[in-house]
Amino acid sequence: MSKYSDLIQATAERMLALMQQGTIPWRRPWNDASAPQNGSIHGPYNPSTGKAYRGSNTLILRGAQLVNGYEDSRWLTYKQALAVGGQVRRGEVGQQIAYWDFSKTGKPQEDAQAPVMEGEDKAYKGPNVFVASVFNASQIEGLPPPSPFVMPDSIRNLRMRELLNKHKPKLHHDGGNRAFYSLVADSIHLPKRAAFTDEINYQATLLHELSHWTGAKHRLDRDLAARGTEAYAKEELVAELSSLFISERLGIGLGKEHEEQHAAYLQSWMQALSDDPKCLFRAASQAEKVMAFLDIPAFEREPLPHVKKEQEAENPASIPVAESSGKGRARVRKKERERDVA
């Protein structure tokens, strides 16, 4: 198998192991003291570029954070860590991610670390995929502490209103104790607002159903099958990841109700992942399409300033980088070149 195929298989095995423990592997439990709070903008990102990791890469890195107990969401290559004044500790093991090179296909370079979307192979022929290794900031010495960013409630609420005003979904608060999207009526149905414990849970539920809403034939045309089918479980996974990614960009912390509601799908997601290790990567690609369709603004942080080390200037060939050691992990060694990611 290729390195990318190995990465897919290793990711599927890790996610399945976490699911078997009753964990939703792409986010911290609501009662975890280190879980992001309401308003905090989080998710794996690269402090060298200021950009967030996307699609399947963000899922891979979330799983690595949970397994290894990393509370820091920053990830860099060895070379990038050196460039911002850091040093990966000797013996640390990196996490492999996918890097897509579209330089010969006409696809914008800024999308290089995004997953290939389904159907794009016809529009863009021959993208090259590389498996790069990144290290968590917890494995790196010399980095400044992360700069937290908390989105004010007023800004988050404004963005939610703008989102609804732009797309104008048919929204009804008549769902009793249920929240659902009606494909026949092309409308979203929610319980009355007073039924929600707070505005955050209301917004998180609305975003989940809005994600389903994007799947209609005249929008993104996904398979919105009936409850209990394999396609239904896959659509729930797309909506789960979409609402998670959007919530992060809007500073919405997903609470207990959200976790309990979606824990019910764990068994079906485990079955889907066992049958097809690529299904999680496909769902992440679809979630990226949902965010693009809804025009959710990306959040970028101020990149860390780059420094020039004397040892690097004197002997650039001696820069150590990551070497594969199997199962999607890498160990530090020396090599002449390294590819930047994110």
C-alpha atoms as a PDB file:
ATOM      1  CA  MET A   1       0.000   0.000   0.000  1.00  0.00           C
ATOM      2  CA  SER A   2       1.030   3.643  -0.472  1.00  0.00           C
ATOM      3  CA  LYS A   3       1.909   5.849   2.489  1.00  0.00           C
ATOM      4  CA  TYR A   4      -1.421   7.620   2.042  1.00  0.00           C
ATOM      5  CA  SER A   5      -3.312   4.319   2.137  1.00  0.00           C
ATOM      6  CA  ASP A   6      -1.375   3.388   5.259  1.00  0.00           C
ATOM      7  CA  LEU A   7      -2.377   6.724   6.795  1.00  0.00           C
ATOM      8  CA  ILE A   8      -6.060   6.125   6.023  1.00  0.00           C
ATOM      9  CA  GLN A   9      -5.922   2.644   7.555  1.00  0.00           C
ATOM     10  CA  ALA A  10      -4.046   3.825  10.655  1.00  0.00           C
ATOM     11  CA  THR A  11      -6.523   6.671  11.148  1.00  0.00           C
ATOM     12  CA  ALA A  12      -9.500   4.327  10.824  1.00  0.00           C
ATOM     13  CA  GLU A  13      -7.996   1.933  13.384  1.00  0.00           C
ATOM     14  CA  ARG A  14      -7.331   4.761  15.853  1.00  0.00           C
ATOM     15  CA  MET A  15     -10.831   6.202  15.461  1.00  0.00           C
ATOM     16  CA  LEU A  16     -12.426   2.774  15.881  1.00  0.00           C
ATOM     17  CA  ALA A  17     -10.421   2.139  19.050  1.00  0.00           C
ATOM     18  CA  LEU A  18     -11.604   5.456  20.519  1.00  0.00           C
ATOM     19  CA  MET A  19     -15.212   4.808  19.499  1.00  0.00           C
ATOM     20  CA  GLN A  20     -15.110   1.393  21.151  1.00  0.00           C
ATOM     21  CA  GLN A  21     -14.319   3.232  24.394  1.00  0.00           C
ATOM     22  CA  GLY A  22     -17.482   5.289  23.927  1.00  0.00           C
ATOM     23  CA  THR A  23     -15.572   8.382  22.816  1.00  0.00           C
ATOM     24  CA  ILE A  24     -16.466  10.630  19.898  1.00  0.00           C
ATOM     25  CA  PRO A  25     -12.859  10.914  18.720  1.00  0.00           C
ATOM     26  CA  TRP A  26     -12.902  14.324  17.063  1.00  0.00           C
ATOM     27  CA  ARG A  27     -13.782  16.350  20.148  1.00  0.00           C
ATOM     28  CA  ARG A  28     -13.170  16.406  23.872  1.00  0.00           C
ATOM     29  CA  PRO A  29     -15.978  15.320  26.226  1.00  0.00           C
ATOM     30  CA  TRP A  30     -18.103  18.249  27.420  1.00  0.00           C
ATOM     31  CA  ASN A  31     -17.051  17.687  31.059  1.00  0.00           C
ATOM     32  CA  ASP A  32     -13.307  17.560  30.290  1.00  0.00           C
ATOM     33  CA  ALA A  33     -11.678  20.447  32.167  1.00  0.00           C
ATOM     34  CA  SER A  34      -9.423  21.101  29.177  1.00  0.00           C
ATOM     35  CA  ALA A  35     -12.293  21.136  26.664  1.00  0.00           C
ATOM     36  CA  PRO A  36     -12.741  24.442  24.821  1.00  0.00           C
ATOM     37  CA  GLN A  37     -15.273  26.735  26.449  1.00  0.00           C
ATOM     38  CA  ASN A  38     -17.962  28.793  24.771  1.00  0.00           C
ATOM     39  CA  GLY A  39     -16.483  31.516  22.632  1.00  0.00           C
ATOM     40  CA  SER A  40     -13.019  29.978  22.312  1.00  0.00           C
ATOM     41  CA  ILE A  41     -11.685  29.508  18.800  1.00  0.00           C
ATOM     42  CA  HIS A  42      -9.820  26.218  18.752  1.00  0.00           C
ATOM     43  CA  GLY A  43      -9.090  23.192  16.588  1.00  0.00           C
ATOM     44  CA  PRO A  44      -5.719  22.074  15.188  1.00  0.00           C
ATOM     45  CA  TYR A  45      -3.797  24.883  13.512  1.00  0.00           C
ATOM     46  CA  ASN A  46      -0.310  25.749  12.351  1.00  0.00           C
ATOM     47  CA  PRO A  47       1.207  28.669  14.303  1.00  0.00           C
ATOM     48  CA  SER A  48       3.876  29.129  11.623  1.00  0.00           C
ATOM     49  CA  THR A  49       1.260  30.069   9.019  1.00  0.00           C
ATOM     50  CA  GLY A  50      -1.665  31.028  11.260  1.00  0.00           C
ATOM     51  CA  LYS A  51      -3.942  28.704   9.286  1.00  0.00           C
ATOM     52  CA  ALA A  52      -6.175  25.949  10.605  1.00  0.00           C
ATOM     53  CA  TYR A  53      -5.766  22.373   9.408  1.00  0.00           C
ATOM     54  CA  ARG A  54      -8.741  21.241   7.372  1.00  0.00           C
ATOM     55  CA  GLY A  55     -10.811  18.215   6.459  1.00  0.00           C
ATOM     56  CA  SER A  56      -9.352  14.817   7.253  1.00  0.00           C
ATOM     57  CA  ASN A  57      -6.156  16.373   8.613  1.00  0.00           C
ATOM     58  CA  THR A  58      -8.039  18.073  11.420  1.00  0.00           C
ATOM     59  CA  LEU A  59      -9.636  14.719  12.338  1.00  0.00           C
ATOM     60  CA  ILE A  60      -6.265  12.973  12.321  1.00  0.00           C
ATOM     61  CA  LEU A  61      -4.771  15.609  14.607  1.00  0.00           C
ATOM     62  CA  ARG A  62      -7.772  15.646  16.949  1.00  0.00           C
ATOM     63  CA  GLY A  63      -7.432  11.904  17.405  1.00  0.00           C
ATOM     64  CA  ALA A  64      -3.721  12.292  18.111  1.00  0.00           C
ATOM     65  CA  GLN A  65      -4.447  14.988  20.702  1.00  0.00           C
ATOM     66  CA  LEU A  66      -6.929  12.748  22.509  1.00  0.00           C
ATOM     67  CA  VAL A  67      -4.716   9.656  22.452  1.00  0.00           C
ATOM     68  CA  ASN A  68      -1.614  11.510  23.630  1.00  0.00           C
ATOM     69  CA  GLY A  69      -3.336  13.906  26.026  1.00  0.00           C
ATOM     70  CA  TYR A  70      -2.142  17.033  24.220  1.00  0.00           C
ATOM     71  CA  GLU A  71      -4.042  20.123  25.347  1.00  0.00           C
ATOM     72  CA  ASP A  72      -2.227  22.365  22.862  1.00  0.00           C
ATOM     73  CA  SER A  73      -3.850  22.561  19.401  1.00  0.00           C
ATOM     74  CA  ARG A  74      -0.745  23.771  17.557  1.00  0.00           C
ATOM     75  CA  TRP A  75       1.044  21.486  15.086  1.00  0.00           C
ATOM     76  CA  LEU A  76       4.182  22.172  13.019  1.00  0.00           C
ATOM     77  CA  THR A  77       6.718  20.339  10.904  1.00  0.00           C
ATOM     78  CA  TYR A  78      10.247  20.070  12.287  1.00  0.00           C
ATOM     79  CA  LYS A  79      11.432  22.704   9.853  1.00  0.00           C
ATOM     80  CA  GLN A  80       8.624  25.088  10.771  1.00  0.00           C
ATOM     81  CA  ALA A  81       9.354  24.651  14.485  1.00  0.00           C
ATOM     82  CA  LEU A  82      12.977  25.661  13.875  1.00  0.00           C
ATOM     83  CA  ALA A  83      11.856  28.655  11.829  1.00  0.00           C
ATOM     84  CA  VAL A  84       9.850  30.105  14.726  1.00  0.00           C
ATOM     85  CA  GLY A  85      12.555  29.466  17.312  1.00  0.00           C
ATOM     86  CA  GLY A  86      11.440  26.066  18.590  1.00  0.00           C
ATOM     87  CA  GLN A  87      13.166  22.712  18.916  1.00  0.00           C
ATOM     88  CA  VAL A  88      11.464  19.320  18.836  1.00  0.00           C
ATOM     89  CA  ARG A  89      12.685  17.316  21.808  1.00  0.00           C
ATOM     90  CA  ARG A  90      14.923  14.383  20.951  1.00  0.00           C
ATOM     91  CA  GLY A  91      13.042  11.106  20.582  1.00  0.00           C
ATOM     92  CA  GLU A  92       9.622  12.706  20.070  1.00  0.00           C
ATOM     93  CA  VAL A  93       7.343  10.970  17.577  1.00  0.00           C
ATOM     94  CA  GLY A  94       5.415  12.994  14.999  1.00  0.00           C
ATOM     95  CA  GLN A  95       1.969  12.506  13.507  1.00  0.00           C
ATOM     96  CA  GLN A  96       1.562  11.981   9.787  1.00  0.00           C
ATOM     97  CA  ILE A  97      -0.954  13.998   7.766  1.00  0.00           C
ATOM     98  CA  ALA A  98      -1.781  14.279   4.063  1.00  0.00           C
ATOM     99  CA  TYR A  99      -0.436  17.093   1.902  1.00  0.00           C
ATOM    100  CA  TRP A 100      -1.894  17.554  -1.575  1.00  0.00           C
ATOM    101  CA  ASP A 101       0.199  19.262  -4.252  1.00  0.00           C
ATOM    102  CA  PHE A 102      -2.009  20.822  -6.934  1.00  0.00           C
ATOM    103  CA  SER A 103       0.765  22.920  -8.504  1.00  0.00           C
ATOM    104  CA  LYS A 104       0.406  21.127 -11.853  1.00  0.00           C
ATOM    105  CA  THR A 105      -3.381  20.945 -11.862  1.00  0.00           C
ATOM    106  CA  GLY A 106      -4.498  24.550 -11.719  1.00  0.00           C
ATOM    107  CA  LYS A 107      -5.899  24.323  -8.199  1.00  0.00           C
ATOM    108  CA  PRO A 108      -4.951  27.257  -5.930  1.00  0.00           C
ATOM    109  CA  GLN A 109      -1.888  26.562  -3.800  1.00  0.00           C
ATOM    110  CA  GLU A 110      -3.597  27.745  -0.616  1.00  0.00           C
ATOM    111  CA  ASP A 111      -5.741  24.600  -0.796  1.00  0.00           C
ATOM    112  CA  ALA A 112      -2.706  22.321  -0.725  1.00  0.00           C
ATOM    113  CA  GLN A 113      -3.436  20.749   2.649  1.00  0.00           C
ATOM    114  CA  ALA A 114      -7.170  20.417   2.030  1.00  0.00           C
ATOM    115  CA  PRO A 115      -8.589  16.990   1.142  1.00  0.00           C
ATOM    116  CA  VAL A 116      -9.463  16.143  -2.434  1.00  0.00           C
ATOM    117  CA  MET A 117     -13.223  16.503  -2.743  1.00  0.00           C
ATOM    118  CA  GLU A 118     -15.299  13.810  -4.383  1.00  0.00           C
ATOM    119  CA  GLY A 119     -15.652  14.490  -8.099  1.00  0.00           C
ATOM    120  CA  GLU A 120     -12.706  16.887  -8.277  1.00  0.00           C
ATOM    121  CA  ASP A 121     -10.534  14.319 -10.003  1.00  0.00           C
ATOM    122  CA  LYS A 122     -12.335  15.169 -13.254  1.00  0.00           C
ATOM    123  CA  ALA A 123     -11.610  18.886 -12.937  1.00  0.00           C
ATOM    124  CA  TYR A 124      -8.052  18.592 -11.636  1.00  0.00           C
ATOM    125  CA  LYS A 125      -5.954  15.791 -13.068  1.00  0.00           C
ATOM    126  CA  GLY A 126      -2.924  14.397 -11.348  1.00  0.00           C
ATOM    127  CA  PRO A 127      -2.622  15.967  -7.875  1.00  0.00           C
ATOM    128  CA  ASN A 128       0.277  14.494  -5.951  1.00  0.00           C
ATOM    129  CA  VAL A 129      -0.270  13.416  -2.373  1.00  0.00           C
ATOM    130  CA  PHE A 130       2.523  13.414   0.178  1.00  0.00           C
ATOM    131  CA  VAL A 131       2.548  12.180   3.738  1.00  0.00           C
ATOM    132  CA  ALA A 132       4.162  14.820   5.942  1.00  0.00           C
ATOM    133  CA  SER A 133       4.885  14.631   9.662  1.00  0.00           C
ATOM    134  CA  VAL A 134       3.961  17.303  12.181  1.00  0.00           C
ATOM    135  CA  PHE A 135       4.655  17.681  15.885  1.00  0.00           C
ATOM    136  CA  ASN A 136       2.389  19.024  18.594  1.00  0.00           C
ATOM    137  CA  ALA A 137       3.558  22.159  20.389  1.00  0.00           C
ATOM    138  CA  SER A 138       3.698  20.065  23.578  1.00  0.00           C
ATOM    139  CA  GLN A 139       6.599  18.175  21.970  1.00  0.00           C
ATOM    140  CA  ILE A 140       8.495  21.353  21.108  1.00  0.00           C
ATOM    141  CA  GLU A 141      10.673  23.482  23.365  1.00  0.00           C
ATOM    142  CA  GLY A 142      11.062  27.227  22.955  1.00  0.00           C
ATOM    143  CA  LEU A 143       7.579  28.106  21.693  1.00  0.00           C
ATOM    144  CA  PRO A 144       5.617  30.892  23.376  1.00  0.00           C
ATOM    145  CA  PRO A 145       2.302  29.876  24.975  1.00  0.00           C
ATOM    146  CA  PRO A 146      -0.693  29.957  22.612  1.00  0.00           C
ATOM    147  CA  SER A 147      -2.619  33.196  22.397  1.00  0.00           C
ATOM    148  CA  PRO A 148      -6.251  32.418  23.250  1.00  0.00           C
ATOM    149  CA  PHE A 149      -8.971  34.095  21.258  1.00  0.00           C
ATOM    150  CA  VAL A 150     -12.495  34.307  22.582  1.00  0.00           C
ATOM    151  CA  MET A 151     -15.273  35.443  20.296  1.00  0.00           C
ATOM    152  CA  PRO A 152     -17.698  37.791  22.087  1.00  0.00           C
ATOM    153  CA  ASP A 153     -21.299  36.595  22.314  1.00  0.00           C
ATOM    154  CA  SER A 154     -22.428  39.646  20.351  1.00  0.00           C
ATOM    155  CA  ILE A 155     -20.190  38.788  17.377  1.00  0.00           C
ATOM    156  CA  ARG A 156     -21.146  35.106  17.431  1.00  0.00           C
ATOM    157  CA  ASN A 157     -24.860  35.957  17.529  1.00  0.00           C
ATOM    158  CA  LEU A 158     -24.380  38.478  14.718  1.00  0.00           C
ATOM    159  CA  ARG A 159     -22.698  35.856  12.529  1.00  0.00           C
ATOM    160  CA  MET A 160     -25.506  33.401  13.189  1.00  0.00           C
ATOM    161  CA  ARG A 161     -28.078  36.012  12.143  1.00  0.00           C
ATOM    162  CA  GLU A 162     -26.079  36.854   9.028  1.00  0.00           C
ATOM    163  CA  LEU A 163     -25.859  33.160   8.142  1.00  0.00           C
ATOM    164  CA  LEU A 164     -29.632  32.704   8.378  1.00  0.00           C
ATOM    165  CA  ASN A 165     -30.405  35.985   6.614  1.00  0.00           C
ATOM    166  CA  LYS A 166     -28.139  35.080   3.701  1.00  0.00           C
ATOM    167  CA  HIS A 167     -29.491  31.582   3.048  1.00  0.00           C
ATOM    168  CA  LYS A 168     -33.026  32.045   4.394  1.00  0.00           C
ATOM    169  CA  PRO A 169     -33.862  28.408   5.264  1.00  0.00           C
ATOM    170  CA  LYS A 170     -37.471  27.708   6.176  1.00  0.00           C
ATOM    171  CA  LEU A 171     -37.183  27.532   9.956  1.00  0.00           C
ATOM    172  CA  HIS A 172     -40.038  26.436  12.249  1.00  0.00           C
ATOM    173  CA  HIS A 173     -40.017  26.069  16.040  1.00  0.00           C
ATOM    174  CA  ASP A 174     -42.677  23.376  16.066  1.00  0.00           C
ATOM    175  CA  GLY A 175     -40.657  20.200  16.492  1.00  0.00           C
ATOM    176  CA  GLY A 176     -41.910  19.314  19.954  1.00  0.00           C
ATOM    177  CA  ASN A 177     -38.928  17.596  21.554  1.00  0.00           C
ATOM    178  CA  ARG A 178     -37.291  16.807  18.193  1.00  0.00           C
ATOM    179  CA  ALA A 179     -34.999  18.679  15.834  1.00  0.00           C
ATOM    180  CA  PHE A 180     -35.017  17.583  12.191  1.00  0.00           C
ATOM    181  CA  TYR A 181     -34.783  18.634   8.559  1.00  0.00           C
ATOM    182  CA  SER A 182     -37.781  17.730   6.394  1.00  0.00           C
ATOM    183  CA  LEU A 183     -36.646  16.820   2.894  1.00  0.00           C
ATOM    184  CA  VAL A 184     -40.213  16.863   1.539  1.00  0.00           C
ATOM    185  CA  ALA A 185     -40.977  20.355   2.857  1.00  0.00           C
ATOM    186  CA  ASP A 186     -37.365  21.522   2.564  1.00  0.00           C
ATOM    187  CA  SER A 187     -37.631  23.015   6.038  1.00  0.00           C
ATOM    188  CA  ILE A 188     -35.886  22.861   9.416  1.00  0.00           C
ATOM    189  CA  HIS A 189     -37.970  22.064  12.506  1.00  0.00           C
ATOM    190  CA  LEU A 190     -36.772  22.724  16.058  1.00  0.00           C
ATOM    191  CA  PRO A 191     -38.282  22.694  19.548  1.00  0.00           C
ATOM    192  CA  LYS A 192     -39.279  26.080  20.893  1.00  0.00           C
ATOM    193  CA  ARG A 193     -36.279  28.158  21.957  1.00  0.00           C
ATOM    194  CA  ALA A 194     -37.340  27.992  25.611  1.00  0.00           C
ATOM    195  CA  ALA A 195     -36.821  24.211  25.500  1.00  0.00           C
ATOM    196  CA  PHE A 196     -33.047  24.651  25.115  1.00  0.00           C
ATOM    197  CA  THR A 197     -30.879  25.069  28.192  1.00  0.00           C
ATOM    198  CA  ASP A 198     -29.075  28.034  26.640  1.00  0.00           C
ATOM    199  CA  GLU A 199     -28.436  29.880  23.388  1.00  0.00           C
ATOM    200  CA  ILE A 200     -25.303  27.846  22.702  1.00  0.00           C
ATOM    201  CA  ASN A 201     -27.187  24.529  22.604  1.00  0.00           C
ATOM    202  CA  TYR A 202     -29.857  26.113  20.435  1.00  0.00           C
ATOM    203  CA  GLN A 203     -27.268  27.365  17.946  1.00  0.00           C
ATOM    204  CA  ALA A 204     -25.392  24.043  17.893  1.00  0.00           C
ATOM    205  CA  THR A 205     -28.624  22.155  17.140  1.00  0.00           C
ATOM    206  CA  LEU A 206     -29.593  24.644  14.453  1.00  0.00           C
ATOM    207  CA  LEU A 207     -26.198  24.296  12.761  1.00  0.00           C
ATOM    208  CA  HIS A 208     -26.558  20.503  12.706  1.00  0.00           C
ATOM    209  CA  GLU A 209     -29.933  20.700  10.972  1.00  0.00           C
ATOM    210  CA  LEU A 210     -28.687  23.440   8.648  1.00  0.00           C
ATOM    211  CA  SER A 211     -25.935  21.040   7.597  1.00  0.00           C
ATOM    212  CA  HIS A 212     -28.605  18.485   6.625  1.00  0.00           C
ATOM    213  CA  TRP A 213     -30.444  21.285   4.778  1.00  0.00           C
ATOM    214  CA  THR A 214     -27.425  21.769   2.484  1.00  0.00           C
ATOM    215  CA  GLY A 215     -27.758  18.168   1.292  1.00  0.00           C
ATOM    216  CA  ALA A 216     -30.941  18.777  -0.732  1.00  0.00           C
ATOM    217  CA  LYS A 217     -30.708  17.957  -4.441  1.00  0.00           C
ATOM    218  CA  HIS A 218     -30.785  21.610  -5.538  1.00  0.00           C
ATOM    219  CA  ARG A 219     -27.944  22.421  -3.125  1.00  0.00           C
ATOM    220  CA  LEU A 220     -25.119  19.902  -2.568  1.00  0.00           C
ATOM    221  CA  ASP A 221     -27.143  16.840  -3.602  1.00  0.00           C
ATOM    222  CA  ARG A 222     -26.187  14.285  -0.953  1.00  0.00           C
ATOM    223  CA  ASP A 223     -28.009  11.034  -0.255  1.00  0.00           C
ATOM    224  CA  LEU A 224     -30.546  12.007   2.444  1.00  0.00           C
ATOM    225  CA  ALA A 225     -31.814   8.490   3.047  1.00  0.00           C
ATOM    226  CA  ALA A 226     -34.360   7.327   5.602  1.00  0.00           C
ATOM    227  CA  ARG A 227     -33.432   6.684   9.226  1.00  0.00           C
ATOM    228  CA  GLY A 228     -31.898   3.268   9.906  1.00  0.00           C
ATOM    229  CA  THR A 229     -30.081   2.943   6.584  1.00  0.00           C
ATOM    230  CA  GLU A 230     -26.332   2.955   6.000  1.00  0.00           C
ATOM    231  CA  ALA A 231     -26.638   6.165   3.984  1.00  0.00           C
ATOM    232  CA  TYR A 232     -28.484   7.808   6.900  1.00  0.00           C
ATOM    233  CA  ALA A 233     -25.593   7.071   9.265  1.00  0.00           C
ATOM    234  CA  LYS A 234     -23.122   8.529   6.768  1.00  0.00           C
ATOM    235  CA  GLU A 235     -25.249  11.674   6.379  1.00  0.00           C
ATOM    236  CA  GLU A 236     -25.363  12.047  10.160  1.00  0.00           C
ATOM    237  CA  LEU A 237     -21.571  11.863  10.167  1.00  0.00           C
ATOM    238  CA  VAL A 238     -21.388  14.639   7.557  1.00  0.00           C
ATOM    239  CA  ALA A 239     -23.769  16.800   9.611  1.00  0.00           C
ATOM    240  CA  GLU A 240     -21.843  16.051  12.812  1.00  0.00           C
ATOM    241  CA  LEU A 241     -18.520  17.116  11.298  1.00  0.00           C
ATOM    242  CA  SER A 242     -20.043  20.106   9.506  1.00  0.00           C
ATOM    243  CA  SER A 243     -21.663  21.466  12.659  1.00  0.00           C
ATOM    244  CA  LEU A 244     -18.444  20.815  14.593  1.00  0.00           C
ATOM    245  CA  PHE A 245     -16.267  22.686  12.084  1.00  0.00           C
ATOM    246  CA  ILE A 246     -18.737  25.580  11.821  1.00  0.00           C
ATOM    247  CA  SER A 247     -19.182  25.758  15.597  1.00  0.00           C
ATOM    248  CA  GLU A 248     -15.429  26.095  15.995  1.00  0.00           C
ATOM    249  CA  ARG A 249     -15.253  28.987  13.578  1.00  0.00           C
ATOM    250  CA  LEU A 250     -18.109  30.717  15.395  1.00  0.00           C
ATOM    251  CA  GLY A 251     -16.808  30.010  18.898  1.00  0.00           C
ATOM    252  CA  ILE A 252     -19.648  27.699  19.919  1.00  0.00           C
ATOM    253  CA  GLY A 253     -18.698  25.132  22.569  1.00  0.00           C
ATOM    254  CA  LEU A 254     -20.727  21.945  22.125  1.00  0.00           C
ATOM    255  CA  GLY A 255     -22.267  20.861  25.429  1.00  0.00           C
ATOM    256  CA  LYS A 256     -23.721  17.822  27.148  1.00  0.00           C
ATOM    257  CA  GLU A 257     -26.941  17.660  25.105  1.00  0.00           C
ATOM    258  CA  HIS A 258     -25.016  17.640  21.838  1.00  0.00           C
ATOM    259  CA  GLU A 259     -22.666  14.908  23.047  1.00  0.00           C
ATOM    260  CA  GLU A 260     -25.470  12.675  24.328  1.00  0.00           C
ATOM    261  CA  GLN A 261     -27.507  13.135  21.150  1.00  0.00           C
ATOM    262  CA  HIS A 262     -24.698  12.108  18.828  1.00  0.00           C
ATOM    263  CA  ALA A 263     -23.296   9.329  20.989  1.00  0.00           C
ATOM    264  CA  ALA A 264     -26.313   7.346  19.775  1.00  0.00           C
ATOM    265  CA  TYR A 265     -24.745   7.221  16.311  1.00  0.00           C
ATOM    266  CA  LEU A 266     -21.422   5.780  17.485  1.00  0.00           C
ATOM    267  CA  GLN A 267     -22.378   2.181  16.734  1.00  0.00           C
ATOM    268  CA  SER A 268     -23.450   2.944  13.172  1.00  0.00           C
ATOM    269  CA  TRP A 269     -20.350   5.063  12.580  1.00  0.00           C
ATOM    270  CA  MET A 270     -18.175   2.235  13.869  1.00  0.00           C
ATOM    271  CA  GLN A 271     -19.832  -0.159  11.441  1.00  0.00           C
ATOM    272  CA  ALA A 272     -19.417   2.254   8.528  1.00  0.00           C
ATOM    273  CA  LEU A 273     -15.750   2.799   9.365  1.00  0.00           C
ATOM    274  CA  SER A 274     -15.133  -0.941   9.694  1.00  0.00           C
ATOM    275  CA  ASP A 275     -16.684  -1.526   6.270  1.00  0.00           C
ATOM    276  CA  ASP A 276     -14.910   1.388   4.595  1.00  0.00           C
ATOM    277  CA  PRO A 277     -11.844   3.021   6.226  1.00  0.00           C
ATOM    278  CA  LYS A 278     -12.171   5.956   3.804  1.00  0.00           C
ATOM    279  CA  CYS A 279     -15.683   6.931   4.922  1.00  0.00           C
ATOM    280  CA  LEU A 280     -14.423   9.341   7.587  1.00  0.00           C
ATOM    281  CA  PHE A 281     -12.180  11.098   5.067  1.00  0.00           C
ATOM    282  CA  ARG A 282     -15.115  11.370   2.653  1.00  0.00           C
ATOM    283  CA  ALA A 283     -17.342  12.802   5.383  1.00  0.00           C
ATOM    284  CA  ALA A 284     -14.677  15.393   6.215  1.00  0.00           C
ATOM    285  CA  SER A 285     -14.524  16.365   2.537  1.00  0.00           C
ATOM    286  CA  GLN A 286     -18.296  16.744   2.446  1.00  0.00           C
ATOM    287  CA  ALA A 287     -18.155  18.859   5.612  1.00  0.00           C
ATOM    288  CA  GLU A 288     -15.680  21.186   3.902  1.00  0.00           C
ATOM    289  CA  LYS A 289     -18.157  21.507   1.027  1.00  0.00           C
ATOM    290  CA  VAL A 290     -20.907  22.414   3.494  1.00  0.00           C
ATOM    291  CA  MET A 291     -18.785  25.207   4.947  1.00  0.00           C
ATOM    292  CA  ALA A 292     -17.933  26.478   1.463  1.00  0.00           C
ATOM    293  CA  PHE A 293     -21.610  26.423   0.435  1.00  0.00           C
ATOM    294  CA  LEU A 294     -22.649  28.323   3.567  1.00  0.00           C
ATOM    295  CA  ASP A 295     -19.706  30.688   3.093  1.00  0.00           C
ATOM    296  CA  ILE A 296     -18.462  30.256   6.651  1.00  0.00           C
ATOM    297  CA  PRO A 297     -15.498  32.626   7.111  1.00  0.00           C
ATOM    298  CA  ALA A 298     -12.154  31.057   7.943  1.00  0.00           C
ATOM    299  CA  PHE A 299     -10.408  32.145  11.105  1.00  0.00           C
ATOM    300  CA  GLU A 300      -6.688  32.809  10.883  1.00  0.00           C
ATOM    301  CA  ARG A 301      -4.362  33.693  13.716  1.00  0.00           C
ATOM    302  CA  GLU A 302      -1.346  35.952  13.586  1.00  0.00           C
ATOM    303  CA  PRO A 303       1.598  33.720  12.556  1.00  0.00           C
ATOM    304  CA  LEU A 304       4.528  33.455  14.923  1.00  0.00           C
ATOM    305  CA  PRO A 305       7.498  35.586  13.814  1.00  0.00           C
ATOM    306  CA  HIS A 306      10.240  33.641  12.063  1.00  0.00           C
ATOM    307  CA  VAL A 307      13.774  33.700  13.405  1.00  0.00           C
ATOM    308  CA  LYS A 308      17.042  32.757  11.728  1.00  0.00           C
ATOM    309  CA  LYS A 309      19.208  30.393  13.721  1.00  0.00           C
ATOM    310  CA  GLU A 310      22.967  30.549  13.285  1.00  0.00           C
ATOM    311  CA  GLN A 311      23.271  26.768  13.065  1.00  0.00           C
ATOM    312  CA  GLU A 312      20.662  26.649  10.298  1.00  0.00           C
ATOM    313  CA  ALA A 313      22.435  29.345   8.303  1.00  0.00           C
ATOM    314  CA  GLU A 314      25.779  27.584   8.667  1.00  0.00           C
ATOM    315  CA  ASN A 315      24.635  24.077   7.779  1.00  0.00           C
ATOM    316  CA  PRO A 316      21.125  23.837   6.286  1.00  0.00           C
ATOM    317  CA  ALA A 317      21.659  20.188   5.313  1.00  0.00           C
ATOM    318  CA  SER A 318      21.826  19.158   8.968  1.00  0.00           C
ATOM    319  CA  ILE A 319      18.235  20.075   9.798  1.00  0.00           C
ATOM    320  CA  PRO A 320      16.559  16.942  11.234  1.00  0.00           C
ATOM    321  CA  VAL A 321      13.067  16.105  10.043  1.00  0.00           C
ATOM    322  CA  ALA A 322      10.468  13.382  10.462  1.00  0.00           C
ATOM    323  CA  GLU A 323      10.924   9.836   9.253  1.00  0.00           C
ATOM    324  CA  SER A 324       8.133   7.305   8.976  1.00  0.00           C
ATOM    325  CA  SER A 325       8.122   4.550  11.569  1.00  0.00           C
ATOM    326  CA  GLY A 326       4.823   2.952  10.553  1.00  0.00           C
ATOM    327  CA  LYS A 327       1.165   3.322  11.525  1.00  0.00           C
ATOM    328  CA  GLY A 328       1.020   7.016  10.703  1.00  0.00           C
ATOM    329  CA  ARG A 329       3.824   8.012  13.092  1.00  0.00           C
ATOM    330  CA  ALA A 330       7.269   9.416  12.494  1.00  0.00           C
ATOM    331  CA  ARG A 331      10.518   9.813  14.414  1.00  0.00           C
ATOM    332  CA  VAL A 332      13.117  12.550  14.131  1.00  0.00           C
ATOM    333  CA  ARG A 333      16.113  11.965  11.869  1.00  0.00           C
ATOM    334  CA  LYS A 334      18.340  14.006   9.562  1.00  0.00           C
ATOM    335  CA  LYS A 335      17.502  14.739   5.971  1.00  0.00           C
ATOM    336  CA  GLU A 336      18.370  17.398   3.444  1.00  0.00           C
ATOM    337  CA  ARG A 337      14.909  18.732   2.642  1.00  0.00           C
ATOM    338  CA  GLU A 338      11.433  18.846   4.114  1.00  0.00           C
ATOM    339  CA  ARG A 339       8.128  19.892   2.623  1.00  0.00           C
ATOM    340  CA  ASP A 340       6.114  22.613   4.378  1.00  0.00           C
ATOM    341  CA  VAL A 341       2.468  21.959   5.192  1.00  0.00           C
ATOM    342  CA  ALA A 342      -0.556  24.048   6.139  1.00  0.00           C
END
